[in-house]
């Protein structure tokens, strides 16, 4: 089992829960897939794209559950990142956790990632 992670503003995830699926954030919709990160990539993703942003959630899903719709593609620094080419059923979330924001604007992942 390979867990991958999506950082999502709480309001977007709550809206998705109301309809049962997450189609993606603005950047996902523009790119045509939902961006995920591995446990090792999540901190850097947060620092690069979400620094200082409060009220974020980290949604974990099993990559294998999505079959061919989950593609591992070269992205930042030549690393392979998981990209989901489908809507994400909210019931697929293995966990949903708030990401605390430290006073310096960085997100605190203590206890959230393996």
PDB file of N, CA and C in Angstrom:
ATOM      1  N   UNK A   1       0.850  -1.188   0.000  1.00  0.00           N
ATOM      2  CA  UNK A   1       0.000   0.000   0.000  1.00  0.00           C
ATOM      3  C   UNK A   1       0.889   1.242   0.000  1.00  0.00           C
ATOM      4  N   UNK A   2       0.611   2.148  -0.915  1.00  0.00           N
ATOM      5  CA  UNK A   2       1.355   3.399  -1.022  1.00  0.00           C
ATOM      6  C   UNK A   2       0.408   4.549  -0.731  1.00  0.00           C
ATOM      7  N   UNK A   3       0.611   5.208   0.397  1.00  0.00           N
ATOM      8  CA  UNK A   3      -0.203   6.382   0.696  1.00  0.00           C
ATOM      9  C   UNK A   3       0.378   7.596  -0.004  1.00  0.00           C
ATOM     10  N   UNK A   4      -0.500   8.382  -0.614  1.00  0.00           N
ATOM     11  CA  UNK A   4      -0.130   9.662  -1.205  1.00  0.00           C
ATOM     12  C   UNK A   4      -1.034  10.724  -0.596  1.00  0.00           C
ATOM     13  N   UNK A   5      -0.596  11.984  -0.688  1.00  0.00           N
ATOM     14  CA  UNK A   5      -1.224  13.048   0.088  1.00  0.00           C
ATOM     15  C   UNK A   5      -1.604  14.239  -0.779  1.00  0.00           C
ATOM     16  N   UNK A   6      -2.762  14.789  -0.477  1.00  0.00           N
ATOM     17  CA  UNK A   6      -3.253  16.004  -1.134  1.00  0.00           C
ATOM     18  C   UNK A   6      -3.461  17.062  -0.058  1.00  0.00           C
ATOM     19  N   UNK A   7      -2.864  18.219  -0.246  1.00  0.00           N
ATOM     20  CA  UNK A   7      -3.096  19.352   0.646  1.00  0.00           C
ATOM     21  C   UNK A   7      -4.251  20.149   0.059  1.00  0.00           C
ATOM     22  N   UNK A   8      -5.280  20.341   0.877  1.00  0.00           N
ATOM     23  CA  UNK A   8      -6.521  20.953   0.394  1.00  0.00           C
ATOM     24  C   UNK A   8      -7.019  22.000   1.399  1.00  0.00           C
ATOM     25  N   UNK A   9      -7.425  23.169   0.922  1.00  0.00           N
ATOM     26  CA  UNK A   9      -8.096  24.096   1.836  1.00  0.00           C
ATOM     27  C   UNK A   9      -9.352  23.435   2.416  1.00  0.00           C
ATOM     28  N   UNK A  10      -9.566  23.633   3.693  1.00  0.00           N
ATOM     29  CA  UNK A  10     -10.682  22.990   4.392  1.00  0.00           C
ATOM     30  C   UNK A  10     -12.016  23.240   3.682  1.00  0.00           C
ATOM     31  N   UNK A  11     -12.261  24.457   3.220  1.00  0.00           N
ATOM     32  CA  UNK A  11     -13.548  24.763   2.589  1.00  0.00           C
ATOM     33  C   UNK A  11     -13.756  23.943   1.314  1.00  0.00           C
ATOM     34  N   UNK A  12     -12.688  23.751   0.526  1.00  0.00           N
ATOM     35  CA  UNK A  12     -12.821  22.942  -0.698  1.00  0.00           C
ATOM     36  C   UNK A  12     -13.140  21.490  -0.362  1.00  0.00           C
ATOM     37  N   UNK A  13     -12.480  20.954   0.676  1.00  0.00           N
ATOM     38  CA  UNK A  13     -12.733  19.557   1.041  1.00  0.00           C
ATOM     39  C   UNK A  13     -14.140  19.397   1.600  1.00  0.00           C
ATOM     40  N   UNK A  14     -14.589  20.327   2.411  1.00  0.00           N
ATOM     41  CA  UNK A  14     -15.952  20.235   2.966  1.00  0.00           C
ATOM     42  C   UNK A  14     -16.993  20.319   1.856  1.00  0.00           C
ATOM     43  N   UNK A  15     -16.754  21.175   0.863  1.00  0.00           N
ATOM     44  CA  UNK A  15     -17.659  21.239  -0.296  1.00  0.00           C
ATOM     45  C   UNK A  15     -17.663  19.902  -1.044  1.00  0.00           C
ATOM     46  N   UNK A  16     -16.496  19.300  -1.194  1.00  0.00           N
ATOM     47  CA  UNK A  16     -16.389  18.008  -1.871  1.00  0.00           C
ATOM     48  C   UNK A  16     -17.125  16.924  -1.090  1.00  0.00           C
ATOM     49  N   UNK A  17     -17.002  16.933   0.224  1.00  0.00           N
ATOM     50  CA  UNK A  17     -17.708  15.944   1.042  1.00  0.00           C
ATOM     51  C   UNK A  17     -19.217  16.043   0.855  1.00  0.00           C
ATOM     52  N   UNK A  18     -19.695  17.252   0.670  1.00  0.00           N
ATOM     53  CA  UNK A  18     -21.135  17.452   0.499  1.00  0.00           C
ATOM     54  C   UNK A  18     -21.663  16.800  -0.774  1.00  0.00           C
ATOM     55  N   UNK A  19     -20.813  16.699  -1.805  1.00  0.00           N
ATOM     56  CA  UNK A  19     -21.246  16.081  -3.065  1.00  0.00           C
ATOM     57  C   UNK A  19     -20.619  14.703  -3.292  1.00  0.00           C
ATOM     58  N   UNK A  20     -19.693  14.315  -2.407  1.00  0.00           N
ATOM     59  CA  UNK A  20     -19.119  12.983  -2.480  1.00  0.00           C
ATOM     60  C   UNK A  20     -17.885  12.827  -3.339  1.00  0.00           C
ATOM     61  N   UNK A  21     -17.409  13.928  -3.936  1.00  0.00           N
ATOM     62  CA  UNK A  21     -16.188  13.823  -4.735  1.00  0.00           C
ATOM     63  C   UNK A  21     -15.463  15.153  -4.812  1.00  0.00           C
ATOM     64  N   UNK A  22     -14.144  15.047  -4.945  1.00  0.00           N
ATOM     65  CA  UNK A  22     -13.280  16.213  -5.070  1.00  0.00           C
ATOM     66  C   UNK A  22     -12.758  16.237  -6.499  1.00  0.00           C
ATOM     67  N   UNK A  23     -13.119  17.278  -7.236  1.00  0.00           N
ATOM     68  CA  UNK A  23     -12.682  17.402  -8.628  1.00  0.00           C
ATOM     69  C   UNK A  23     -11.315  18.064  -8.734  1.00  0.00           C
ATOM     70  N   UNK A  24     -10.906  18.749  -7.668  1.00  0.00           N
ATOM     71  CA  UNK A  24      -9.596  19.387  -7.648  1.00  0.00           C
ATOM     72  C   UNK A  24      -9.685  20.861  -7.306  1.00  0.00           C
ATOM     73  N   UNK A  25      -8.532  21.391  -6.926  1.00  0.00           N
ATOM     74  CA  UNK A  25      -8.387  22.829  -6.693  1.00  0.00           C
ATOM     75  C   UNK A  25      -8.182  23.509  -8.046  1.00  0.00           C
ATOM     76  N   UNK A  26      -8.088  24.806  -8.050  1.00  0.00           N
ATOM     77  CA  UNK A  26      -7.935  25.570  -9.297  1.00  0.00           C
ATOM     78  C   UNK A  26      -6.766  25.060 -10.135  1.00  0.00           C
ATOM     79  N   UNK A  27      -5.613  24.846  -9.513  1.00  0.00           N
ATOM     80  CA  UNK A  27      -4.433  24.370 -10.256  1.00  0.00           C
ATOM     81  C   UNK A  27      -4.668  22.976 -10.830  1.00  0.00           C
ATOM     82  N   UNK A  28      -5.368  22.125 -10.088  1.00  0.00           N
ATOM     83  CA  UNK A  28      -5.670  20.778 -10.586  1.00  0.00           C
ATOM     84  C   UNK A  28      -6.567  20.841 -11.815  1.00  0.00           C
ATOM     85  N   UNK A  29      -7.596  21.650 -11.717  1.00  0.00           N
ATOM     86  CA  UNK A  29      -8.536  21.785 -12.835  1.00  0.00           C
ATOM     87  C   UNK A  29      -7.824  22.329 -14.075  1.00  0.00           C
ATOM     88  N   UNK A  30      -6.915  23.286 -13.876  1.00  0.00           N
ATOM     89  CA  UNK A  30      -6.170  23.863 -14.994  1.00  0.00           C
ATOM     90  C   UNK A  30      -5.227  22.838 -15.632  1.00  0.00           C
ATOM     91  N   UNK A  31      -4.627  21.980 -14.810  1.00  0.00           N
ATOM     92  CA  UNK A  31      -3.660  21.004 -15.313  1.00  0.00           C
ATOM     93  C   UNK A  31      -4.304  19.714 -15.813  1.00  0.00           C
ATOM     94  N   UNK A  32      -5.562  19.473 -15.457  1.00  0.00           N
ATOM     95  CA  UNK A  32      -6.264  18.286 -15.932  1.00  0.00           C
ATOM     96  C   UNK A  32      -6.059  17.047 -15.078  1.00  0.00           C
ATOM     97  N   UNK A  33      -5.502  17.216 -13.894  1.00  0.00           N
ATOM     98  CA  UNK A  33      -5.315  16.110 -12.960  1.00  0.00           C
ATOM     99  C   UNK A  33      -5.182  16.663 -11.550  1.00  0.00           C
ATOM    100  N   UNK A  34      -5.387  15.804 -10.552  1.00  0.00           N
ATOM    101  CA  UNK A  34      -5.243  16.203  -9.158  1.00  0.00           C
ATOM    102  C   UNK A  34      -3.820  15.896  -8.723  1.00  0.00           C
ATOM    103  N   UNK A  35      -3.128  16.933  -8.259  1.00  0.00           N
ATOM    104  CA  UNK A  35      -1.752  16.810  -7.790  1.00  0.00           C
ATOM    105  C   UNK A  35      -1.710  16.157  -6.412  1.00  0.00           C
ATOM    106  N   UNK A  36      -0.893  15.139  -6.266  1.00  0.00           N
ATOM    107  CA  UNK A  36      -0.619  14.515  -4.976  1.00  0.00           C
ATOM    108  C   UNK A  36       0.876  14.557  -4.737  1.00  0.00           C
ATOM    109  N   UNK A  37       1.269  14.257  -3.504  1.00  0.00           N
ATOM    110  CA  UNK A  37       2.679  14.142  -3.133  1.00  0.00           C
ATOM    111  C   UNK A  37       2.867  12.888  -2.310  1.00  0.00           C
ATOM    112  N   UNK A  38       4.079  12.356  -2.333  1.00  0.00           N
ATOM    113  CA  UNK A  38       4.426  11.266  -1.435  1.00  0.00           C
ATOM    114  C   UNK A  38       4.687  11.862  -0.052  1.00  0.00           C
ATOM    115  N   UNK A  39       4.850  11.016   0.931  1.00  0.00           N
ATOM    116  CA  UNK A  39       5.172  11.497   2.284  1.00  0.00           C
ATOM    117  C   UNK A  39       6.448  12.337   2.258  1.00  0.00           C
ATOM    118  N   UNK A  40       7.434  11.904   1.478  1.00  0.00           N
ATOM    119  CA  UNK A  40       8.707  12.622   1.402  1.00  0.00           C
ATOM    120  C   UNK A  40       8.571  13.965   0.686  1.00  0.00           C
ATOM    121  N   UNK A  41       7.608  14.122  -0.181  1.00  0.00           N
ATOM    122  CA  UNK A  41       7.438  15.345  -0.977  1.00  0.00           C
ATOM    123  C   UNK A  41       6.488  16.356  -0.343  1.00  0.00           C
ATOM    124  N   UNK A  42       5.690  15.929   0.614  1.00  0.00           N
ATOM    125  CA  UNK A  42       4.598  16.764   1.129  1.00  0.00           C
ATOM    126  C   UNK A  42       5.080  18.044   1.800  1.00  0.00           C
ATOM    127  N   UNK A  43       6.117  17.963   2.606  1.00  0.00           N
ATOM    128  CA  UNK A  43       6.618  19.164   3.287  1.00  0.00           C
ATOM    129  C   UNK A  43       7.082  20.222   2.283  1.00  0.00           C
ATOM    130  N   UNK A  44       7.814  19.775   1.256  1.00  0.00           N
ATOM    131  CA  UNK A  44       8.289  20.712   0.244  1.00  0.00           C
ATOM    132  C   UNK A  44       7.124  21.299  -0.556  1.00  0.00           C
ATOM    133  N   UNK A  45       6.130  20.478  -0.857  1.00  0.00           N
ATOM    134  CA  UNK A  45       4.939  20.970  -1.553  1.00  0.00           C
ATOM    135  C   UNK A  45       4.257  22.051  -0.730  1.00  0.00           C
ATOM    136  N   UNK A  46       4.111  21.812   0.559  1.00  0.00           N
ATOM    137  CA  UNK A  46       3.476  22.804   1.439  1.00  0.00           C
ATOM    138  C   UNK A  46       4.280  24.096   1.471  1.00  0.00           C
ATOM    139  N   UNK A  47       5.595  23.977   1.595  1.00  0.00           N
ATOM    140  CA  UNK A  47       6.451  25.162   1.663  1.00  0.00           C
ATOM    141  C   UNK A  47       6.416  25.957   0.360  1.00  0.00           C
ATOM    142  N   UNK A  48       6.387  25.253  -0.761  1.00  0.00           N
ATOM    143  CA  UNK A  48       6.423  25.921  -2.066  1.00  0.00           C
ATOM    144  C   UNK A  48       5.084  26.541  -2.462  1.00  0.00           C
ATOM    145  N   UNK A  49       3.986  25.846  -2.177  1.00  0.00           N
ATOM    146  CA  UNK A  49       2.690  26.282  -2.698  1.00  0.00           C
ATOM    147  C   UNK A  49       1.704  26.801  -1.653  1.00  0.00           C
ATOM    148  N   UNK A  50       1.940  26.534  -0.371  1.00  0.00           N
ATOM    149  CA  UNK A  50       0.938  26.862   0.643  1.00  0.00           C
ATOM    150  C   UNK A  50       1.497  27.633   1.837  1.00  0.00           C
ATOM    151  N   UNK A  51       2.721  28.091   1.789  1.00  0.00           N
ATOM    152  CA  UNK A  51       3.342  28.763   2.929  1.00  0.00           C
ATOM    153  C   UNK A  51       2.450  29.895   3.428  1.00  0.00           C
ATOM    154  N   UNK A  52       2.215  29.897   4.733  1.00  0.00           N
ATOM    155  CA  UNK A  52       1.432  30.943   5.367  1.00  0.00           C
ATOM    156  C   UNK A  52      -0.076  30.783   5.226  1.00  0.00           C
ATOM    157  N   UNK A  53      -0.511  29.781   4.471  1.00  0.00           N
ATOM    158  CA  UNK A  53      -1.948  29.593   4.258  1.00  0.00           C
ATOM    159  C   UNK A  53      -2.545  28.783   5.413  1.00  0.00           C
ATOM    160  N   UNK A  54      -3.505  29.376   6.112  1.00  0.00           N
ATOM    161  CA  UNK A  54      -4.124  28.669   7.237  1.00  0.00           C
ATOM    162  C   UNK A  54      -5.247  27.737   6.774  1.00  0.00           C
ATOM    163  N   UNK A  55      -5.696  26.924   7.712  1.00  0.00           N
ATOM    164  CA  UNK A  55      -6.891  26.109   7.521  1.00  0.00           C
ATOM    165  C   UNK A  55      -6.778  25.111   6.368  1.00  0.00           C
ATOM    166  N   UNK A  56      -5.656  24.404   6.353  1.00  0.00           N
ATOM    167  CA  UNK A  56      -5.445  23.378   5.334  1.00  0.00           C
ATOM    168  C   UNK A  56      -5.640  21.991   5.930  1.00  0.00           C
ATOM    169  N   UNK A  57      -6.041  21.073   5.073  1.00  0.00           N
ATOM    170  CA  UNK A  57      -6.175  19.675   5.453  1.00  0.00           C
ATOM    171  C   UNK A  57      -5.224  18.840   4.613  1.00  0.00           C
ATOM    172  N   UNK A  58      -4.777  17.732   5.171  1.00  0.00           N
ATOM    173  CA  UNK A  58      -3.988  16.766   4.434  1.00  0.00           C
ATOM    174  C   UNK A  58      -4.838  15.507   4.285  1.00  0.00           C
ATOM    175  N   UNK A  59      -5.126  15.172   3.040  1.00  0.00           N
ATOM    176  CA  UNK A  59      -5.953  14.008   2.725  1.00  0.00           C
ATOM    177  C   UNK A  59      -5.034  12.902   2.219  1.00  0.00           C
ATOM    178  N   UNK A  60      -5.105  11.740   2.855  1.00  0.00           N
ATOM    179  CA  UNK A  60      -4.294  10.595   2.446  1.00  0.00           C
ATOM    180  C   UNK A  60      -5.168   9.577   1.728  1.00  0.00           C
ATOM    181  N   UNK A  61      -4.660   9.066   0.609  1.00  0.00           N
ATOM    182  CA  UNK A  61      -5.349   8.013  -0.137  1.00  0.00           C
ATOM    183  C   UNK A  61      -4.345   6.940  -0.534  1.00  0.00           C
ATOM    184  N   UNK A  62      -4.844   5.759  -0.829  1.00  0.00           N
ATOM    185  CA  UNK A  62      -4.001   4.674  -1.321  1.00  0.00           C
ATOM    186  C   UNK A  62      -3.878   4.811  -2.838  1.00  0.00           C
ATOM    187  N   UNK A  63      -2.675   5.005  -3.317  1.00  0.00           N
ATOM    188  CA  UNK A  63      -2.448   5.217  -4.750  1.00  0.00           C
ATOM    189  C   UNK A  63      -2.960   4.053  -5.595  1.00  0.00           C
ATOM    190  N   UNK A  64      -2.749   2.833  -5.129  1.00  0.00           N
ATOM    191  CA  UNK A  64      -3.110   1.659  -5.916  1.00  0.00           C
ATOM    192  C   UNK A  64      -4.617   1.530  -6.140  1.00  0.00           C
ATOM    193  N   UNK A  65      -5.394   2.164  -5.294  1.00  0.00           N
ATOM    194  CA  UNK A  65      -6.850   2.069  -5.404  1.00  0.00           C
ATOM    195  C   UNK A  65      -7.369   2.644  -6.729  1.00  0.00           C
ATOM    196  N   UNK A  66      -6.591   3.507  -7.360  1.00  0.00           N
ATOM    197  CA  UNK A  66      -7.060   4.215  -8.549  1.00  0.00           C
ATOM    198  C   UNK A  66      -6.558   3.617  -9.858  1.00  0.00           C
ATOM    199  N   UNK A  67      -5.806   2.534  -9.771  1.00  0.00           N
ATOM    200  CA  UNK A  67      -5.346   1.854 -10.985  1.00  0.00           C
ATOM    201  C   UNK A  67      -4.637   2.799 -11.936  1.00  0.00           C
ATOM    202  N   UNK A  68      -4.973   2.680 -13.232  1.00  0.00           N
ATOM    203  CA  UNK A  68      -4.313   3.465 -14.274  1.00  0.00           C
ATOM    204  C   UNK A  68      -4.624   4.956 -14.194  1.00  0.00           C
ATOM    205  N   UNK A  69      -5.648   5.351 -13.426  1.00  0.00           N
ATOM    206  CA  UNK A  69      -5.979   6.776 -13.297  1.00  0.00           C
ATOM    207  C   UNK A  69      -4.929   7.529 -12.468  1.00  0.00           C
ATOM    208  N   UNK A  70      -4.140   6.790 -11.657  1.00  0.00           N
ATOM    209  CA  UNK A  70      -3.059   7.401 -10.880  1.00  0.00           C
ATOM    210  C   UNK A  70      -1.764   7.166 -11.639  1.00  0.00           C
ATOM    211  N   UNK A  71      -1.210   8.247 -12.146  1.00  0.00           N
ATOM    212  CA  UNK A  71       0.029   8.155 -12.928  1.00  0.00           C
ATOM    213  C   UNK A  71       1.167   8.813 -12.154  1.00  0.00           C
ATOM    214  N   UNK A  72       2.337   8.205 -12.227  1.00  0.00           N
ATOM    215  CA  UNK A  72       3.538   8.754 -11.596  1.00  0.00           C
ATOM    216  C   UNK A  72       4.328   9.460 -12.692  1.00  0.00           C
ATOM    217  N   UNK A  73       4.416  10.801 -12.576  1.00  0.00           N
ATOM    218  CA  UNK A  73       5.004  11.592 -13.646  1.00  0.00           C
ATOM    219  C   UNK A  73       6.109  12.497 -13.112  1.00  0.00           C
ATOM    220  N   UNK A  74       7.082  12.744 -13.972  1.00  0.00           N
ATOM    221  CA  UNK A  74       8.211  13.602 -13.616  1.00  0.00           C
ATOM    222  C   UNK A  74       7.710  15.024 -13.398  1.00  0.00           C
ATOM    223  N   UNK A  75       8.165  15.603 -12.298  1.00  0.00           N
ATOM    224  CA  UNK A  75       7.795  16.979 -11.973  1.00  0.00           C
ATOM    225  C   UNK A  75       8.995  17.644 -11.320  1.00  0.00           C
ATOM    226  N   UNK A  76       8.763  18.396 -10.288  1.00  0.00           N
ATOM    227  CA  UNK A  76       9.769  19.190  -9.584  1.00  0.00           C
ATOM    228  C   UNK A  76      11.073  18.418  -9.360  1.00  0.00           C
ATOM    229  N   UNK A  77      12.164  18.955  -9.880  1.00  0.00           N
ATOM    230  CA  UNK A  77      13.473  18.365  -9.668  1.00  0.00           C
ATOM    231  C   UNK A  77      13.665  16.994 -10.292  1.00  0.00           C
ATOM    232  N   UNK A  78      12.811  16.631 -11.231  1.00  0.00           N
ATOM    233  CA  UNK A  78      12.929  15.333 -11.878  1.00  0.00           C
ATOM    234  C   UNK A  78      12.321  14.188 -11.095  1.00  0.00           C
ATOM    235  N   UNK A  79      11.723  14.479  -9.937  1.00  0.00           N
ATOM    236  CA  UNK A  79      11.105  13.438  -9.110  1.00  0.00           C
ATOM    237  C   UNK A  79       9.763  13.015  -9.702  1.00  0.00           C
ATOM    238  N   UNK A  80       9.389  11.770  -9.424  1.00  0.00           N
ATOM    239  CA  UNK A  80       8.080  11.281  -9.843  1.00  0.00           C
ATOM    240  C   UNK A  80       7.036  11.677  -8.810  1.00  0.00           C
ATOM    241  N   UNK A  81       5.980  12.309  -9.287  1.00  0.00           N
ATOM    242  CA  UNK A  81       4.872  12.722  -8.430  1.00  0.00           C
ATOM    243  C   UNK A  81       3.611  11.987  -8.856  1.00  0.00           C
ATOM    244  N   UNK A  82       2.746  11.632  -7.903  1.00  0.00           N
ATOM    245  CA  UNK A  82       1.481  10.985  -8.240  1.00  0.00           C
ATOM    246  C   UNK A  82       0.446  12.013  -8.704  1.00  0.00           C
ATOM    247  N   UNK A  83      -0.176  11.732  -9.835  1.00  0.00           N
ATOM    248  CA  UNK A  83      -1.208  12.602 -10.404  1.00  0.00           C
ATOM    249  C   UNK A  83      -2.438  11.746 -10.684  1.00  0.00           C
ATOM    250  N   UNK A  84      -3.578  12.182 -10.189  1.00  0.00           N
ATOM    251  CA  UNK A  84      -4.826  11.442 -10.393  1.00  0.00           C
ATOM    252  C   UNK A  84      -5.621  12.058 -11.529  1.00  0.00           C
ATOM    253  N   UNK A  85      -5.838  11.274 -12.583  1.00  0.00           N
ATOM    254  CA  UNK A  85      -6.600  11.705 -13.753  1.00  0.00           C
ATOM    255  C   UNK A  85      -8.052  11.257 -13.620  1.00  0.00           C
ATOM    256  N   UNK A  86      -8.677  11.657 -12.542  1.00  0.00           N
ATOM    257  CA  UNK A  86     -10.080  11.340 -12.262  1.00  0.00           C
ATOM    258  C   UNK A  86     -10.489  12.163 -11.049  1.00  0.00           C
ATOM    259  N   UNK A  87     -11.782  12.245 -10.828  1.00  0.00           N
ATOM    260  CA  UNK A  87     -12.258  12.878  -9.593  1.00  0.00           C
ATOM    261  C   UNK A  87     -11.942  11.937  -8.432  1.00  0.00           C
ATOM    262  N   UNK A  88     -11.745  12.509  -7.269  1.00  0.00           N
ATOM    263  CA  UNK A  88     -11.428  11.737  -6.068  1.00  0.00           C
ATOM    264  C   UNK A  88     -12.689  11.555  -5.231  1.00  0.00           C
ATOM    265  N   UNK A  89     -13.190  10.323  -5.113  1.00  0.00           N
ATOM    266  CA  UNK A  89     -14.331  10.112  -4.216  1.00  0.00           C
ATOM    267  C   UNK A  89     -13.884  10.416  -2.780  1.00  0.00           C
ATOM    268  N   UNK A  90     -14.639  11.197  -2.069  1.00  0.00           N
ATOM    269  CA  UNK A  90     -14.222  11.551  -0.710  1.00  0.00           C
ATOM    270  C   UNK A  90     -14.173  10.324   0.197  1.00  0.00           C
ATOM    271  N   UNK A  91     -14.912   9.282  -0.141  1.00  0.00           N
ATOM    272  CA  UNK A  91     -14.881   8.054   0.653  1.00  0.00           C
ATOM    273  C   UNK A  91     -13.560   7.305   0.502  1.00  0.00           C
ATOM    274  N   UNK A  92     -12.744   7.683  -0.481  1.00  0.00           N
ATOM    275  CA  UNK A  92     -11.446   7.043  -0.678  1.00  0.00           C
ATOM    276  C   UNK A  92     -10.399   7.549   0.315  1.00  0.00           C
ATOM    277  N   UNK A  93     -10.695   8.621   1.016  1.00  0.00           N
ATOM    278  CA  UNK A  93      -9.730   9.173   1.977  1.00  0.00           C
ATOM    279  C   UNK A  93      -9.501   8.195   3.114  1.00  0.00           C
ATOM    280  N   UNK A  94      -8.253   7.840   3.340  1.00  0.00           N
ATOM    281  CA  UNK A  94      -7.893   6.970   4.466  1.00  0.00           C
ATOM    282  C   UNK A  94      -7.755   7.792   5.739  1.00  0.00           C
ATOM    283  N   UNK A  95      -7.402   9.056   5.566  1.00  0.00           N
ATOM    284  CA  UNK A  95      -7.370   9.991   6.702  1.00  0.00           C
ATOM    285  C   UNK A  95      -7.481  11.408   6.172  1.00  0.00           C
ATOM    286  N   UNK A  96      -8.009  12.262   7.014  1.00  0.00           N
ATOM    287  CA  UNK A  96      -8.102  13.692   6.733  1.00  0.00           C
ATOM    288  C   UNK A  96      -7.693  14.384   8.025  1.00  0.00           C
ATOM    289  N   UNK A  97      -6.614  15.167   7.965  1.00  0.00           N
ATOM    290  CA  UNK A  97      -6.090  15.782   9.178  1.00  0.00           C
ATOM    291  C   UNK A  97      -5.777  17.256   8.938  1.00  0.00           C
ATOM    292  N   UNK A  98      -6.049  18.073   9.943  1.00  0.00           N
ATOM    293  CA  UNK A  98      -5.696  19.490   9.886  1.00  0.00           C
ATOM    294  C   UNK A  98      -4.180  19.621   9.951  1.00  0.00           C
ATOM    295  N   UNK A  99      -3.649  20.566   9.190  1.00  0.00           N
ATOM    296  CA  UNK A  99      -2.210  20.842   9.201  1.00  0.00           C
ATOM    297  C   UNK A  99      -1.995  22.147   9.972  1.00  0.00           C
ATOM    298  N   UNK A 100      -1.435  22.067  11.175  1.00  0.00           N
ATOM    299  CA  UNK A 100      -1.216  23.286  11.956  1.00  0.00           C
ATOM    300  C   UNK A 100      -0.235  24.224  11.264  1.00  0.00           C
ATOM    301  N   UNK A 101      -0.467  25.509  11.452  1.00  0.00           N
ATOM    302  CA  UNK A 101       0.398  26.543  10.888  1.00  0.00           C
ATOM    303  C   UNK A 101       1.224  27.142  12.016  1.00  0.00           C
ATOM    304  N   UNK A 102       2.529  27.080  11.882  1.00  0.00           N
ATOM    305  CA  UNK A 102       3.437  27.637  12.889  1.00  0.00           C
ATOM    306  C   UNK A 102       3.503  29.158  12.743  1.00  0.00           C
ATOM    307  N   UNK A 103       3.942  29.857  13.779  1.00  0.00           N
ATOM    308  CA  UNK A 103       4.029  31.323  13.721  1.00  0.00           C
ATOM    309  C   UNK A 103       4.890  31.854  12.572  1.00  0.00           C
ATOM    310  N   UNK A 104       5.872  31.055  12.119  1.00  0.00           N
ATOM    311  CA  UNK A 104       6.740  31.512  11.031  1.00  0.00           C
ATOM    312  C   UNK A 104       6.142  31.287   9.644  1.00  0.00           C
ATOM    313  N   UNK A 105       4.900  30.756   9.588  1.00  0.00           N
ATOM    314  CA  UNK A 105       4.230  30.544   8.305  1.00  0.00           C
ATOM    315  C   UNK A 105       4.445  29.175   7.711  1.00  0.00           C
ATOM    316  N   UNK A 106       5.288  28.370   8.342  1.00  0.00           N
ATOM    317  CA  UNK A 106       5.502  27.000   7.875  1.00  0.00           C
ATOM    318  C   UNK A 106       4.434  26.093   8.479  1.00  0.00           C
ATOM    319  N   UNK A 107       4.161  24.992   7.822  1.00  0.00           N
ATOM    320  CA  UNK A 107       3.177  24.039   8.323  1.00  0.00           C
ATOM    321  C   UNK A 107       3.883  22.969   9.139  1.00  0.00           C
ATOM    322  N   UNK A 108       3.222  22.547  10.203  1.00  0.00           N
ATOM    323  CA  UNK A 108       3.778  21.580  11.136  1.00  0.00           C
ATOM    324  C   UNK A 108       3.200  20.202  10.850  1.00  0.00           C
ATOM    325  N   UNK A 109       4.023  19.306  10.326  1.00  0.00           N
ATOM    326  CA  UNK A 109       3.572  17.963   9.966  1.00  0.00           C
ATOM    327  C   UNK A 109       3.892  16.929  11.040  1.00  0.00           C
ATOM    328  N   UNK A 110       4.307  17.377  12.218  1.00  0.00           N
ATOM    329  CA  UNK A 110       4.648  16.450  13.295  1.00  0.00           C
ATOM    330  C   UNK A 110       3.451  15.535  13.582  1.00  0.00           C
ATOM    331  N   UNK A 111       3.695  14.242  13.532  1.00  0.00           N
ATOM    332  CA  UNK A 111       2.640  13.273  13.804  1.00  0.00           C
ATOM    333  C   UNK A 111       1.685  13.026  12.658  1.00  0.00           C
ATOM    334  N   UNK A 112       1.829  13.749  11.547  1.00  0.00           N
ATOM    335  CA  UNK A 112       0.904  13.595  10.410  1.00  0.00           C
ATOM    336  C   UNK A 112       1.454  12.687   9.310  1.00  0.00           C
ATOM    337  N   UNK A 113       2.778  12.622   9.213  1.00  0.00           N
ATOM    338  CA  UNK A 113       3.410  11.835   8.152  1.00  0.00           C
ATOM    339  C   UNK A 113       4.275  10.747   8.757  1.00  0.00           C
ATOM    340  N   UNK A 114       4.433   9.649   8.031  1.00  0.00           N
ATOM    341  CA  UNK A 114       5.310   8.582   8.531  1.00  0.00           C
ATOM    342  C   UNK A 114       6.761   9.029   8.584  1.00  0.00           C
TER     343      UNK A 114
END
